[in-house]
């Protein structure tokens, strides 16, 4: 993961250099020199608050499953998950199995139960995000037609395609919950087709070891799905989880809003909704762009949307650099801190 983090840092640096060359270094630097440091600090504060809310949402589920990890010990694992999200292409899932293994080893918890807690926590975020995405698409096409006309065709196609992928993923997970045993059987069937190849690779001449591992993995998978179905059937947990998810995204929009306010783009409540719509659509692109955090595409999309609504190009680029710079730098640094803490626990 350290190598992936280094790759993302290099890609991010290249993107920032290209933005400077495209927009003009003089124009961007003149805006950045006059940026309000207090508002930048406020944006960093809300970025940190995001991680706290995210951990609280996860803790709702871990407490329900009686995973005995207090908040202060759960938080470093969350930092590591966020680090994995930043460096992972596509929908940004991938660090969960590693975290489940580390928690099993360091905290003595069942890996299947930990994986279930992370999946349901992700599902809360995914459903709330897709609801916000649908609203953003409606606002974009229904009430912001002036800016819409200034967006290129590839941007609009990317937005619609990303939304289709996000909604499709949500419907797939919802199907597993709704059909319960049928959905469980389907996913377990896929796993059982894949696992034999894994067994043969690691246990070529050790039949007993292969069978013991197979039994252990099947039990873990059964525990995982049993816990997922248990969590999916509690209405109170769903209400609390969805509330925390919407709070997460509101803080996310506020954090970005202050990053742009720091460079003088401060047009009241109306601009807050533009930021919310812009960041939702930018996040959607991460579902189909196979680059870590959709680096490059996200920044171009943000600048395109802002310039389409009359924001000067220099201000749009400077605000984007601050907002995304905080996201990348803060996420990578805190992720490494979480990784160091987890490694010390081993």
C-alpha atoms as a PDB file:
ATOM      1  CA  UNK A   1       0.000   0.000   0.000  1.00  0.00           C
ATOM      2  CA  UNK A   2       2.920   2.320   0.600  1.00  0.00           C
ATOM      3  CA  UNK A   3       3.858   1.951  -3.089  1.00  0.00           C
ATOM      4  CA  UNK A   4       0.303   2.814  -4.145  1.00  0.00           C
ATOM      5  CA  UNK A   5       0.402   5.880  -1.921  1.00  0.00           C
ATOM      6  CA  UNK A   6       3.632   6.985  -3.597  1.00  0.00           C
ATOM      7  CA  UNK A   7       2.074   6.435  -7.044  1.00  0.00           C
ATOM      8  CA  UNK A   8      -0.930   8.563  -6.091  1.00  0.00           C
ATOM      9  CA  UNK A   9       1.354  11.310  -4.774  1.00  0.00           C
ATOM     10  CA  UNK A  10       3.242  11.365  -8.081  1.00  0.00           C
ATOM     11  CA  UNK A  11       0.021  11.341 -10.129  1.00  0.00           C
ATOM     12  CA  UNK A  12      -1.428  14.137  -8.002  1.00  0.00           C
ATOM     13  CA  UNK A  13       1.710  16.218  -8.461  1.00  0.00           C
ATOM     14  CA  UNK A  14       1.551  15.715 -12.238  1.00  0.00           C
ATOM     15  CA  UNK A  15      -2.116  16.760 -12.299  1.00  0.00           C
ATOM     16  CA  UNK A  16      -1.411  19.885 -10.268  1.00  0.00           C
ATOM     17  CA  UNK A  17       1.456  20.823 -12.618  1.00  0.00           C
ATOM     18  CA  UNK A  18      -0.790  20.321 -15.665  1.00  0.00           C
ATOM     19  CA  UNK A  19      -3.502  22.512 -14.121  1.00  0.00           C
ATOM     20  CA  UNK A  20      -0.916  25.236 -13.531  1.00  0.00           C
ATOM     21  CA  UNK A  21       0.222  24.986 -17.157  1.00  0.00           C
ATOM     22  CA  UNK A  22      -3.320  24.939 -18.563  1.00  0.00           C
ATOM     23  CA  UNK A  23      -4.824  27.749 -16.487  1.00  0.00           C
ATOM     24  CA  UNK A  24      -1.639  29.743 -16.000  1.00  0.00           C
ATOM     25  CA  UNK A  25       0.702  29.694 -13.027  1.00  0.00           C
ATOM     26  CA  UNK A  26       0.602  33.471 -12.603  1.00  0.00           C
ATOM     27  CA  UNK A  27      -3.186  33.571 -12.442  1.00  0.00           C
ATOM     28  CA  UNK A  28      -3.454  30.695  -9.952  1.00  0.00           C
ATOM     29  CA  UNK A  29      -0.588  31.877  -7.739  1.00  0.00           C
ATOM     30  CA  UNK A  30      -2.039  35.382  -7.489  1.00  0.00           C
ATOM     31  CA  UNK A  31      -5.270  33.864  -6.160  1.00  0.00           C
ATOM     32  CA  UNK A  32      -3.464  31.484  -3.782  1.00  0.00           C
ATOM     33  CA  UNK A  33      -1.336  34.303  -2.326  1.00  0.00           C
ATOM     34  CA  UNK A  34      -4.511  36.106  -1.262  1.00  0.00           C
ATOM     35  CA  UNK A  35      -6.206  32.970   0.092  1.00  0.00           C
ATOM     36  CA  UNK A  36      -7.616  33.247   3.605  1.00  0.00           C
ATOM     37  CA  UNK A  37      -5.506  30.969   5.870  1.00  0.00           C
ATOM     38  CA  UNK A  38      -8.235  30.836   8.537  1.00  0.00           C
ATOM     39  CA  UNK A  39     -10.776  29.473   6.064  1.00  0.00           C
ATOM     40  CA  UNK A  40      -8.217  26.940   4.829  1.00  0.00           C
ATOM     41  CA  UNK A  41      -7.696  25.888   8.448  1.00  0.00           C
ATOM     42  CA  UNK A  42     -11.467  25.604   8.853  1.00  0.00           C
ATOM     43  CA  UNK A  43     -11.595  23.373   5.784  1.00  0.00           C
ATOM     44  CA  UNK A  44      -8.908  21.123   7.310  1.00  0.00           C
ATOM     45  CA  UNK A  45     -10.899  21.007  10.559  1.00  0.00           C
ATOM     46  CA  UNK A  46     -13.998  19.786   8.724  1.00  0.00           C
ATOM     47  CA  UNK A  47     -11.871  17.220   6.880  1.00  0.00           C
ATOM     48  CA  UNK A  48     -10.835  15.830  10.264  1.00  0.00           C
ATOM     49  CA  UNK A  49     -14.465  15.974  11.444  1.00  0.00           C
ATOM     50  CA  UNK A  50     -15.410  13.770   8.488  1.00  0.00           C
ATOM     51  CA  UNK A  51     -13.218  10.982   9.802  1.00  0.00           C
ATOM     52  CA  UNK A  52     -14.710  11.289  13.286  1.00  0.00           C
ATOM     53  CA  UNK A  53     -18.273  11.018  11.934  1.00  0.00           C
ATOM     54  CA  UNK A  54     -17.227   8.091   9.748  1.00  0.00           C
ATOM     55  CA  UNK A  55     -15.805   6.299  12.806  1.00  0.00           C
ATOM     56  CA  UNK A  56     -18.971   6.993  14.831  1.00  0.00           C
ATOM     57  CA  UNK A  57     -21.039   5.452  12.016  1.00  0.00           C
ATOM     58  CA  UNK A  58     -18.844   2.355  12.017  1.00  0.00           C
ATOM     59  CA  UNK A  59     -18.979   2.145  15.813  1.00  0.00           C
ATOM     60  CA  UNK A  60     -22.794   2.023  15.688  1.00  0.00           C
ATOM     61  CA  UNK A  61     -22.468  -1.295  13.882  1.00  0.00           C
ATOM     62  CA  UNK A  62     -19.518  -2.718  15.814  1.00  0.00           C
ATOM     63  CA  UNK A  63     -21.360  -2.150  19.105  1.00  0.00           C
ATOM     64  CA  UNK A  64     -24.469  -3.841  17.698  1.00  0.00           C
ATOM     65  CA  UNK A  65     -22.363  -6.880  16.746  1.00  0.00           C
ATOM     66  CA  UNK A  66     -20.612  -6.782  20.144  1.00  0.00           C
ATOM     67  CA  UNK A  67     -17.201  -6.124  18.599  1.00  0.00           C
ATOM     68  CA  UNK A  68     -15.428  -4.871  21.702  1.00  0.00           C
ATOM     69  CA  UNK A  69     -13.217  -2.138  20.253  1.00  0.00           C
ATOM     70  CA  UNK A  70     -13.489   1.352  21.824  1.00  0.00           C
ATOM     71  CA  UNK A  71     -13.632   4.466  19.650  1.00  0.00           C
ATOM     72  CA  UNK A  72     -10.023   5.530  20.215  1.00  0.00           C
ATOM     73  CA  UNK A  73      -8.772   2.107  19.011  1.00  0.00           C
ATOM     74  CA  UNK A  74     -11.239   1.925  16.122  1.00  0.00           C
ATOM     75  CA  UNK A  75     -10.206   5.348  14.791  1.00  0.00           C
ATOM     76  CA  UNK A  76      -6.688   4.327  13.558  1.00  0.00           C
ATOM     77  CA  UNK A  77      -8.225   1.451  11.596  1.00  0.00           C
ATOM     78  CA  UNK A  78     -10.621   3.949  10.015  1.00  0.00           C
ATOM     79  CA  UNK A  79      -7.656   6.135   9.029  1.00  0.00           C
ATOM     80  CA  UNK A  80      -6.161   3.093   7.323  1.00  0.00           C
ATOM     81  CA  UNK A  81      -9.464   2.395   5.524  1.00  0.00           C
ATOM     82  CA  UNK A  82      -9.602   6.002   4.312  1.00  0.00           C
ATOM     83  CA  UNK A  83      -6.010   5.678   3.113  1.00  0.00           C
ATOM     84  CA  UNK A  84      -7.007   2.557   1.183  1.00  0.00           C
ATOM     85  CA  UNK A  85      -9.971   4.372  -0.373  1.00  0.00           C
ATOM     86  CA  UNK A  86      -7.757   7.201  -1.595  1.00  0.00           C
ATOM     87  CA  UNK A  87      -5.215   4.943  -3.307  1.00  0.00           C
ATOM     88  CA  UNK A  88      -7.719   2.397  -4.707  1.00  0.00           C
ATOM     89  CA  UNK A  89      -9.121   2.836  -8.245  1.00  0.00           C
ATOM     90  CA  UNK A  90     -12.804   2.493  -9.081  1.00  0.00           C
ATOM     91  CA  UNK A  91     -15.467   2.367  -6.345  1.00  0.00           C
ATOM     92  CA  UNK A  92     -12.715   2.527  -3.678  1.00  0.00           C
ATOM     93  CA  UNK A  93     -13.308  -0.787  -1.992  1.00  0.00           C
ATOM     94  CA  UNK A  94     -10.280  -2.914  -1.295  1.00  0.00           C
ATOM     95  CA  UNK A  95      -8.713  -2.275   2.100  1.00  0.00           C
ATOM     96  CA  UNK A  96     -11.499  -4.031   4.027  1.00  0.00           C
ATOM     97  CA  UNK A  97     -10.042  -7.589   3.949  1.00  0.00           C
ATOM     98  CA  UNK A  98      -6.678  -6.263   5.165  1.00  0.00           C
ATOM     99  CA  UNK A  99      -8.330  -4.308   7.986  1.00  0.00           C
ATOM    100  CA  UNK A 100     -10.465  -7.325   8.944  1.00  0.00           C
ATOM    101  CA  UNK A 101      -7.310  -9.453   9.159  1.00  0.00           C
ATOM    102  CA  UNK A 102      -5.483  -6.826  11.250  1.00  0.00           C
ATOM    103  CA  UNK A 103      -8.409  -6.438  13.649  1.00  0.00           C
ATOM    104  CA  UNK A 104      -8.663 -10.214  13.988  1.00  0.00           C
ATOM    105  CA  UNK A 105      -4.948 -10.425  14.769  1.00  0.00           C
ATOM    106  CA  UNK A 106      -4.623  -7.330  16.975  1.00  0.00           C
ATOM    107  CA  UNK A 107      -8.000  -7.236  18.712  1.00  0.00           C
ATOM    108  CA  UNK A 108      -9.021 -10.896  18.760  1.00  0.00           C
ATOM    109  CA  UNK A 109     -12.257 -10.359  16.796  1.00  0.00           C
ATOM    110  CA  UNK A 110     -13.758 -12.630  14.126  1.00  0.00           C
ATOM    111  CA  UNK A 111     -12.727 -11.511  10.630  1.00  0.00           C
ATOM    112  CA  UNK A 112     -16.137 -12.399   9.170  1.00  0.00           C
ATOM    113  CA  UNK A 113     -17.975 -10.266  11.726  1.00  0.00           C
ATOM    114  CA  UNK A 114     -15.607  -7.328  11.177  1.00  0.00           C
ATOM    115  CA  UNK A 115     -16.080  -7.606   7.398  1.00  0.00           C
ATOM    116  CA  UNK A 116     -19.858  -7.594   7.884  1.00  0.00           C
ATOM    117  CA  UNK A 117     -19.654  -4.408   9.957  1.00  0.00           C
ATOM    118  CA  UNK A 118     -17.614  -2.683   7.235  1.00  0.00           C
ATOM    119  CA  UNK A 119     -19.905  -3.834   4.416  1.00  0.00           C
ATOM    120  CA  UNK A 120     -23.070  -2.556   6.106  1.00  0.00           C
ATOM    121  CA  UNK A 121     -21.317   0.697   7.045  1.00  0.00           C
ATOM    122  CA  UNK A 122     -20.407   1.093   3.368  1.00  0.00           C
ATOM    123  CA  UNK A 123     -23.964   0.311   2.350  1.00  0.00           C
ATOM    124  CA  UNK A 124     -25.325   3.136   4.513  1.00  0.00           C
ATOM    125  CA  UNK A 125     -22.931   5.535   2.818  1.00  0.00           C
ATOM    126  CA  UNK A 126     -23.648   4.168  -0.656  1.00  0.00           C
ATOM    127  CA  UNK A 127     -27.424   4.489  -0.375  1.00  0.00           C
ATOM    128  CA  UNK A 128     -27.310   8.012   1.063  1.00  0.00           C
ATOM    129  CA  UNK A 129     -24.771   9.049  -1.577  1.00  0.00           C
ATOM    130  CA  UNK A 130     -26.933   7.719  -4.411  1.00  0.00           C
ATOM    131  CA  UNK A 131     -29.952   9.599  -3.056  1.00  0.00           C
ATOM    132  CA  UNK A 132     -27.880  12.795  -3.038  1.00  0.00           C
ATOM    133  CA  UNK A 133     -26.580  11.940  -6.531  1.00  0.00           C
ATOM    134  CA  UNK A 134     -30.079  11.574  -7.966  1.00  0.00           C
ATOM    135  CA  UNK A 135     -31.043  14.900  -6.428  1.00  0.00           C
ATOM    136  CA  UNK A 136     -27.884  16.508  -7.862  1.00  0.00           C
ATOM    137  CA  UNK A 137     -28.622  15.181 -11.358  1.00  0.00           C
ATOM    138  CA  UNK A 138     -32.169  16.548 -11.065  1.00  0.00           C
ATOM    139  CA  UNK A 139     -30.854  19.959  -9.964  1.00  0.00           C
ATOM    140  CA  UNK A 140     -28.225  19.972 -12.714  1.00  0.00           C
ATOM    141  CA  UNK A 141     -30.677  19.226 -15.506  1.00  0.00           C
ATOM    142  CA  UNK A 142     -33.718  20.983 -14.050  1.00  0.00           C
ATOM    143  CA  UNK A 143     -32.572  24.173 -12.349  1.00  0.00           C
ATOM    144  CA  UNK A 144     -29.021  24.890 -13.485  1.00  0.00           C
ATOM    145  CA  UNK A 145     -29.472  24.746 -17.246  1.00  0.00           C
ATOM    146  CA  UNK A 146     -27.198  27.744 -17.845  1.00  0.00           C
ATOM    147  CA  UNK A 147     -24.189  25.950 -16.418  1.00  0.00           C
ATOM    148  CA  UNK A 148     -25.331  22.714 -18.045  1.00  0.00           C
ATOM    149  CA  UNK A 149     -25.095  24.301 -21.501  1.00  0.00           C
ATOM    150  CA  UNK A 150     -21.460  25.188 -20.829  1.00  0.00           C
ATOM    151  CA  UNK A 151     -20.462  21.623 -19.922  1.00  0.00           C
ATOM    152  CA  UNK A 152     -18.956  19.496 -22.673  1.00  0.00           C
ATOM    153  CA  UNK A 153     -20.672  16.362 -23.933  1.00  0.00           C
ATOM    154  CA  UNK A 154     -18.046  13.999 -22.490  1.00  0.00           C
ATOM    155  CA  UNK A 155     -18.556  15.485 -19.017  1.00  0.00           C
ATOM    156  CA  UNK A 156     -22.326  14.933 -19.181  1.00  0.00           C
ATOM    157  CA  UNK A 157     -21.853  11.393 -20.512  1.00  0.00           C
ATOM    158  CA  UNK A 158     -19.376  10.651 -17.709  1.00  0.00           C
ATOM    159  CA  UNK A 159     -21.822  11.933 -15.090  1.00  0.00           C
ATOM    160  CA  UNK A 160     -24.752   9.843 -16.367  1.00  0.00           C
ATOM    161  CA  UNK A 161     -22.628   6.689 -16.807  1.00  0.00           C
ATOM    162  CA  UNK A 162     -21.174   7.051 -13.311  1.00  0.00           C
ATOM    163  CA  UNK A 163     -24.657   7.397 -11.825  1.00  0.00           C
ATOM    164  CA  UNK A 164     -25.796   4.232 -13.622  1.00  0.00           C
ATOM    165  CA  UNK A 165     -22.860   2.263 -12.186  1.00  0.00           C
ATOM    166  CA  UNK A 166     -23.440   3.616  -8.661  1.00  0.00           C
ATOM    167  CA  UNK A 167     -27.174   2.839  -8.718  1.00  0.00           C
ATOM    168  CA  UNK A 168     -26.511  -0.606 -10.201  1.00  0.00           C
ATOM    169  CA  UNK A 169     -24.066  -1.427  -7.406  1.00  0.00           C
ATOM    170  CA  UNK A 170     -26.580  -0.326  -4.778  1.00  0.00           C
ATOM    171  CA  UNK A 171     -29.372  -2.405  -6.345  1.00  0.00           C
ATOM    172  CA  UNK A 172     -27.089  -5.445  -6.419  1.00  0.00           C
ATOM    173  CA  UNK A 173     -26.285  -5.185  -2.698  1.00  0.00           C
ATOM    174  CA  UNK A 174     -29.954  -4.456  -1.915  1.00  0.00           C
ATOM    175  CA  UNK A 175     -30.907  -7.609  -3.857  1.00  0.00           C
ATOM    176  CA  UNK A 176     -28.640  -9.694  -1.626  1.00  0.00           C
ATOM    177  CA  UNK A 177     -30.338  -8.234   1.448  1.00  0.00           C
ATOM    178  CA  UNK A 178     -33.881  -8.518   0.083  1.00  0.00           C
ATOM    179  CA  UNK A 179     -33.656 -12.108  -1.137  1.00  0.00           C
ATOM    180  CA  UNK A 180     -31.559 -13.153   1.880  1.00  0.00           C
ATOM    181  CA  UNK A 181     -30.970 -16.895   1.375  1.00  0.00           C
ATOM    182  CA  UNK A 182     -31.166 -16.693  -2.432  1.00  0.00           C
ATOM    183  CA  UNK A 183     -28.728 -13.769  -2.538  1.00  0.00           C
ATOM    184  CA  UNK A 184     -26.459 -15.470  -0.018  1.00  0.00           C
ATOM    185  CA  UNK A 185     -26.474 -18.680  -2.063  1.00  0.00           C
ATOM    186  CA  UNK A 186     -25.611 -16.754  -5.233  1.00  0.00           C
ATOM    187  CA  UNK A 187     -22.627 -14.952  -3.697  1.00  0.00           C
ATOM    188  CA  UNK A 188     -21.415 -18.078  -1.906  1.00  0.00           C
ATOM    189  CA  UNK A 189     -21.623 -19.927  -5.238  1.00  0.00           C
ATOM    190  CA  UNK A 190     -19.307 -17.361  -6.832  1.00  0.00           C
ATOM    191  CA  UNK A 191     -16.896 -17.655  -3.911  1.00  0.00           C
ATOM    192  CA  UNK A 192     -16.855 -21.446  -4.126  1.00  0.00           C
ATOM    193  CA  UNK A 193     -15.954 -21.264  -7.836  1.00  0.00           C
ATOM    194  CA  UNK A 194     -13.041 -18.920  -7.153  1.00  0.00           C
ATOM    195  CA  UNK A 195     -11.626 -20.399  -3.941  1.00  0.00           C
ATOM    196  CA  UNK A 196     -10.459 -23.763  -5.430  1.00  0.00           C
ATOM    197  CA  UNK A 197      -7.968 -21.887  -7.637  1.00  0.00           C
ATOM    198  CA  UNK A 198      -6.633 -20.133  -4.532  1.00  0.00           C
ATOM    199  CA  UNK A 199      -6.347 -23.414  -2.637  1.00  0.00           C
ATOM    200  CA  UNK A 200      -4.463 -25.089  -5.485  1.00  0.00           C
ATOM    201  CA  UNK A 201      -1.999 -22.196  -5.685  1.00  0.00           C
ATOM    202  CA  UNK A 202      -1.074 -22.219  -1.998  1.00  0.00           C
ATOM    203  CA  UNK A 203      -1.561 -25.925  -1.196  1.00  0.00           C
ATOM    204  CA  UNK A 204      -0.270 -27.806  -4.237  1.00  0.00           C
ATOM    205  CA  UNK A 205       0.874 -30.895  -2.310  1.00  0.00           C
ATOM    206  CA  UNK A 206      -0.799 -30.365   1.065  1.00  0.00           C
ATOM    207  CA  UNK A 207      -4.306 -31.829   0.770  1.00  0.00           C
ATOM    208  CA  UNK A 208      -4.971 -31.735   4.524  1.00  0.00           C
ATOM    209  CA  UNK A 209      -3.904 -28.081   4.765  1.00  0.00           C
ATOM    210  CA  UNK A 210      -6.066 -27.214   1.768  1.00  0.00           C
ATOM    211  CA  UNK A 211      -9.155 -28.855   3.269  1.00  0.00           C
ATOM    212  CA  UNK A 212      -8.584 -27.258   6.691  1.00  0.00           C
ATOM    213  CA  UNK A 213      -8.249 -23.819   5.106  1.00  0.00           C
ATOM    214  CA  UNK A 214     -11.328 -24.398   2.954  1.00  0.00           C
ATOM    215  CA  UNK A 215     -13.433 -25.300   6.001  1.00  0.00           C
ATOM    216  CA  UNK A 216     -12.142 -22.254   7.896  1.00  0.00           C
ATOM    217  CA  UNK A 217     -12.878 -19.864   5.015  1.00  0.00           C
ATOM    218  CA  UNK A 218     -16.359 -21.288   4.474  1.00  0.00           C
ATOM    219  CA  UNK A 219     -17.147 -20.822   8.176  1.00  0.00           C
ATOM    220  CA  UNK A 220     -15.854 -17.231   8.037  1.00  0.00           C
ATOM    221  CA  UNK A 221     -17.957 -16.545   4.940  1.00  0.00           C
ATOM    222  CA  UNK A 222     -21.056 -18.005   6.626  1.00  0.00           C
ATOM    223  CA  UNK A 223     -20.419 -15.871   9.734  1.00  0.00           C
ATOM    224  CA  UNK A 224     -19.976 -12.830   7.514  1.00  0.00           C
ATOM    225  CA  UNK A 225     -23.278 -13.257   5.664  1.00  0.00           C
ATOM    226  CA  UNK A 226     -25.211 -14.194   8.811  1.00  0.00           C
ATOM    227  CA  UNK A 227     -24.040 -10.964  10.445  1.00  0.00           C
ATOM    228  CA  UNK A 228     -24.847  -8.930   7.315  1.00  0.00           C
ATOM    229  CA  UNK A 229     -28.404 -10.259   7.221  1.00  0.00           C
ATOM    230  CA  UNK A 230     -28.774  -9.648  10.967  1.00  0.00           C
ATOM    231  CA  UNK A 231     -27.683  -6.021  10.550  1.00  0.00           C
ATOM    232  CA  UNK A 232     -29.950  -5.534   7.555  1.00  0.00           C
ATOM    233  CA  UNK A 233     -33.030  -6.447   9.572  1.00  0.00           C
ATOM    234  CA  UNK A 234     -32.776  -3.782  12.305  1.00  0.00           C
ATOM    235  CA  UNK A 235     -34.791  -0.625  11.379  1.00  0.00           C
ATOM    236  CA  UNK A 236     -33.382   1.478  14.242  1.00  0.00           C
ATOM    237  CA  UNK A 237     -29.824   0.724  13.191  1.00  0.00           C
ATOM    238  CA  UNK A 238     -30.688   1.696   9.612  1.00  0.00           C
ATOM    239  CA  UNK A 239     -32.177   5.027  10.721  1.00  0.00           C
ATOM    240  CA  UNK A 240     -29.134   5.878  12.841  1.00  0.00           C
ATOM    241  CA  UNK A 241     -26.726   4.739  10.133  1.00  0.00           C
ATOM    242  CA  UNK A 242     -28.461   6.747   7.401  1.00  0.00           C
ATOM    243  CA  UNK A 243     -28.573   9.830   9.639  1.00  0.00           C
ATOM    244  CA  UNK A 244     -24.828   9.585  10.222  1.00  0.00           C
ATOM    245  CA  UNK A 245     -24.278   9.084   6.486  1.00  0.00           C
ATOM    246  CA  UNK A 246     -26.168  12.245   5.529  1.00  0.00           C
ATOM    247  CA  UNK A 247     -24.289  14.136   8.275  1.00  0.00           C
ATOM    248  CA  UNK A 248     -21.047  12.850   6.747  1.00  0.00           C
ATOM    249  CA  UNK A 249     -21.862  14.239   3.304  1.00  0.00           C
ATOM    250  CA  UNK A 250     -23.107  17.569   4.642  1.00  0.00           C
ATOM    251  CA  UNK A 251     -19.770  18.019   6.448  1.00  0.00           C
ATOM    252  CA  UNK A 252     -17.995  16.967   3.244  1.00  0.00           C
ATOM    253  CA  UNK A 253     -19.779  19.706   1.299  1.00  0.00           C
ATOM    254  CA  UNK A 254     -19.061  22.277   4.034  1.00  0.00           C
ATOM    255  CA  UNK A 255     -15.369  21.340   3.971  1.00  0.00           C
ATOM    256  CA  UNK A 256     -15.186  21.932   0.212  1.00  0.00           C
ATOM    257  CA  UNK A 257     -17.294  25.096   0.471  1.00  0.00           C
ATOM    258  CA  UNK A 258     -14.760  26.673   2.845  1.00  0.00           C
ATOM    259  CA  UNK A 259     -11.865  25.638   0.594  1.00  0.00           C
ATOM    260  CA  UNK A 260     -13.423  27.692  -2.217  1.00  0.00           C
ATOM    261  CA  UNK A 261     -14.447  30.481   0.156  1.00  0.00           C
ATOM    262  CA  UNK A 262     -10.757  30.801   1.069  1.00  0.00           C
ATOM    263  CA  UNK A 263     -10.005  32.013  -2.481  1.00  0.00           C
ATOM    264  CA  UNK A 264     -12.880  34.472  -2.556  1.00  0.00           C
ATOM    265  CA  UNK A 265     -15.621  32.318  -4.075  1.00  0.00           C
ATOM    266  CA  UNK A 266     -18.284  33.082  -1.500  1.00  0.00           C
ATOM    267  CA  UNK A 267     -21.726  33.579  -3.007  1.00  0.00           C
ATOM    268  CA  UNK A 268     -23.955  32.578  -0.131  1.00  0.00           C
ATOM    269  CA  UNK A 269     -26.220  29.574   0.266  1.00  0.00           C
ATOM    270  CA  UNK A 270     -26.785  29.238  -3.469  1.00  0.00           C
ATOM    271  CA  UNK A 271     -23.106  28.531  -4.059  1.00  0.00           C
ATOM    272  CA  UNK A 272     -23.181  25.900  -1.300  1.00  0.00           C
ATOM    273  CA  UNK A 273     -25.684  23.924  -3.388  1.00  0.00           C
ATOM    274  CA  UNK A 274     -23.463  24.332  -6.458  1.00  0.00           C
ATOM    275  CA  UNK A 275     -20.551  22.907  -4.426  1.00  0.00           C
ATOM    276  CA  UNK A 276     -22.718  20.029  -3.167  1.00  0.00           C
ATOM    277  CA  UNK A 277     -23.835  19.204  -6.704  1.00  0.00           C
ATOM    278  CA  UNK A 278     -20.296  19.533  -8.072  1.00  0.00           C
ATOM    279  CA  UNK A 279     -18.684  17.294  -5.440  1.00  0.00           C
ATOM    280  CA  UNK A 280     -21.396  14.660  -5.756  1.00  0.00           C
ATOM    281  CA  UNK A 281     -20.900  14.467  -9.514  1.00  0.00           C
ATOM    282  CA  UNK A 282     -17.115  14.490  -9.097  1.00  0.00           C
ATOM    283  CA  UNK A 283     -17.348  11.608  -6.604  1.00  0.00           C
ATOM    284  CA  UNK A 284     -19.536   9.676  -9.038  1.00  0.00           C
ATOM    285  CA  UNK A 285     -16.738   9.612 -11.595  1.00  0.00           C
ATOM    286  CA  UNK A 286     -14.700   7.552  -9.134  1.00  0.00           C
ATOM    287  CA  UNK A 287     -16.978   4.578  -9.860  1.00  0.00           C
ATOM    288  CA  UNK A 288     -15.775   4.209 -13.446  1.00  0.00           C
ATOM    289  CA  UNK A 289     -12.399   5.977 -13.689  1.00  0.00           C
ATOM    290  CA  UNK A 290      -9.787   3.322 -12.934  1.00  0.00           C
ATOM    291  CA  UNK A 291      -7.311   5.709 -11.355  1.00  0.00           C
ATOM    292  CA  UNK A 292      -6.708   6.222  -7.619  1.00  0.00           C
ATOM    293  CA  UNK A 293      -9.400   8.681  -6.446  1.00  0.00           C
ATOM    294  CA  UNK A 294     -10.055   9.385 -10.168  1.00  0.00           C
ATOM    295  CA  UNK A 295      -7.088  11.741  -9.884  1.00  0.00           C
ATOM    296  CA  UNK A 296      -6.986  14.238 -12.725  1.00  0.00           C
ATOM    297  CA  UNK A 297     -10.502  13.596 -13.998  1.00  0.00           C
ATOM    298  CA  UNK A 298     -12.088  14.758 -10.732  1.00  0.00           C
ATOM    299  CA  UNK A 299     -10.136  18.018 -10.726  1.00  0.00           C
ATOM    300  CA  UNK A 300     -10.898  18.758 -14.387  1.00  0.00           C
ATOM    301  CA  UNK A 301     -14.585  18.059 -13.792  1.00  0.00           C
ATOM    302  CA  UNK A 302     -14.676  20.403 -10.791  1.00  0.00           C
ATOM    303  CA  UNK A 303     -13.014  23.233 -12.716  1.00  0.00           C
ATOM    304  CA  UNK A 304     -15.323  22.650 -15.708  1.00  0.00           C
ATOM    305  CA  UNK A 305     -18.477  22.815 -13.596  1.00  0.00           C
ATOM    306  CA  UNK A 306     -17.371  25.954 -11.740  1.00  0.00           C
ATOM    307  CA  UNK A 307     -16.283  27.779 -14.883  1.00  0.00           C
ATOM    308  CA  UNK A 308     -19.584  26.771 -16.459  1.00  0.00           C
ATOM    309  CA  UNK A 309     -21.371  28.726 -13.741  1.00  0.00           C
ATOM    310  CA  UNK A 310     -19.331  31.873 -14.268  1.00  0.00           C
ATOM    311  CA  UNK A 311     -16.515  31.368 -11.747  1.00  0.00           C
ATOM    312  CA  UNK A 312     -13.223  32.825 -13.101  1.00  0.00           C
ATOM    313  CA  UNK A 313     -10.869  30.070 -14.218  1.00  0.00           C
ATOM    314  CA  UNK A 314      -8.058  31.156 -11.874  1.00  0.00           C
ATOM    315  CA  UNK A 315     -10.314  31.082  -8.818  1.00  0.00           C
ATOM    316  CA  UNK A 316     -11.908  27.779  -9.852  1.00  0.00           C
ATOM    317  CA  UNK A 317      -8.487  26.150 -10.319  1.00  0.00           C
ATOM    318  CA  UNK A 318      -7.045  27.598  -7.081  1.00  0.00           C
ATOM    319  CA  UNK A 319     -10.059  26.481  -5.037  1.00  0.00           C
ATOM    320  CA  UNK A 320      -9.890  23.024  -6.604  1.00  0.00           C
ATOM    321  CA  UNK A 321      -6.181  22.728  -5.789  1.00  0.00           C
ATOM    322  CA  UNK A 322      -6.825  23.643  -2.141  1.00  0.00           C
ATOM    323  CA  UNK A 323      -9.843  21.336  -1.752  1.00  0.00           C
ATOM    324  CA  UNK A 324      -8.221  18.338  -3.424  1.00  0.00           C
ATOM    325  CA  UNK A 325      -4.822  19.078  -1.896  1.00  0.00           C
ATOM    326  CA  UNK A 326      -6.348  18.852   1.579  1.00  0.00           C
ATOM    327  CA  UNK A 327      -8.100  15.618   0.585  1.00  0.00           C
ATOM    328  CA  UNK A 328      -4.946  13.944  -0.748  1.00  0.00           C
ATOM    329  CA  UNK A 329      -2.345  15.227   1.722  1.00  0.00           C
ATOM    330  CA  UNK A 330      -4.522  14.876   4.828  1.00  0.00           C
ATOM    331  CA  UNK A 331      -5.722  11.413   3.797  1.00  0.00           C
ATOM    332  CA  UNK A 332      -2.249  10.097   2.992  1.00  0.00           C
ATOM    333  CA  UNK A 333      -0.618  11.519   6.128  1.00  0.00           C
ATOM    334  CA  UNK A 334      -3.330  10.328   8.528  1.00  0.00           C
ATOM    335  CA  UNK A 335      -3.387   6.988   6.720  1.00  0.00           C
ATOM    336  CA  UNK A 336       0.311   6.491   7.353  1.00  0.00           C
ATOM    337  CA  UNK A 337      -0.209   7.460  10.999  1.00  0.00           C
ATOM    338  CA  UNK A 338      -2.971   4.860  11.271  1.00  0.00           C
ATOM    339  CA  UNK A 339      -0.746   2.289   9.560  1.00  0.00           C
ATOM    340  CA  UNK A 340       2.112   2.966  12.001  1.00  0.00           C
ATOM    341  CA  UNK A 341      -0.270   2.553  14.957  1.00  0.00           C
ATOM    342  CA  UNK A 342      -1.668  -0.694  13.542  1.00  0.00           C
ATOM    343  CA  UNK A 343       1.832  -2.042  12.841  1.00  0.00           C
ATOM    344  CA  UNK A 344       2.892  -1.286  16.419  1.00  0.00           C
ATOM    345  CA  UNK A 345      -0.065  -3.316  17.679  1.00  0.00           C
ATOM    346  CA  UNK A 346       1.066  -6.406  15.779  1.00  0.00           C
END
